[in-house]
């Protein structure tokens, strides 16, 4: 039973890490500079 619980916790942590990485990647560039020719970078 302990092994199943440990596997479930590891799976939960991995899925959380992947979700956090996907959200950080989708938020776009976070640089201070702003390229006026590219409005995506100007937020």
Protein backbone atom coordinates (compact mmCIF):
# COMPACT_ATOMS: atom_id res chain seq x y z
CA UNK A 1 0.00 0.00 0.00
CA UNK A 2 2.84 2.38 0.80
CA UNK A 3 4.34 1.85 -2.63
CA UNK A 4 1.11 2.83 -4.36
CA UNK A 5 0.85 5.96 -2.26
CA UNK A 6 4.43 6.90 -3.06
CA UNK A 7 3.82 6.37 -6.78
CA UNK A 8 0.70 8.51 -6.63
CA UNK A 9 2.57 11.35 -4.91
CA UNK A 10 5.40 11.19 -7.45
CA UNK A 11 2.91 11.24 -10.31
CA UNK A 12 1.14 14.23 -8.79
CA UNK A 13 4.41 16.14 -8.39
CA UNK A 14 5.51 15.38 -11.94
CA UNK A 15 2.19 16.50 -13.38
CA UNK A 16 2.33 19.68 -11.30
CA UNK A 17 5.84 20.42 -12.54
CA UNK A 18 4.82 19.88 -16.16
CA UNK A 19 1.77 22.10 -15.74
CA UNK A 20 3.84 24.87 -14.15
CA UNK A 21 6.39 24.65 -16.95
CA UNK A 22 3.68 24.83 -19.61
CA UNK A 23 2.08 27.87 -17.96
CA UNK A 24 5.44 29.64 -17.68
CA UNK A 25 6.19 28.87 -21.32
CA UNK A 26 2.78 30.12 -22.50
CA UNK A 27 3.09 33.44 -20.67
CA UNK A 28 5.48 34.73 -23.31
CA UNK A 29 8.72 36.62 -22.97
CA UNK A 30 9.33 38.36 -19.68
CA UNK A 31 12.16 40.66 -20.75
CA UNK A 32 12.26 44.32 -19.80
CA UNK A 33 12.93 45.48 -23.34
CA UNK A 34 10.01 46.15 -25.63
CA UNK A 35 10.17 45.61 -29.38
CA UNK A 36 7.75 48.10 -30.91
CA UNK A 37 7.66 46.09 -34.14
CA UNK A 38 6.39 43.04 -32.28
CA UNK A 39 3.37 43.83 -30.04
CA UNK A 40 3.55 40.40 -28.44
CA UNK A 41 6.62 41.45 -26.48
CA UNK A 42 5.02 44.72 -25.34
CA UNK A 43 2.79 43.74 -22.44
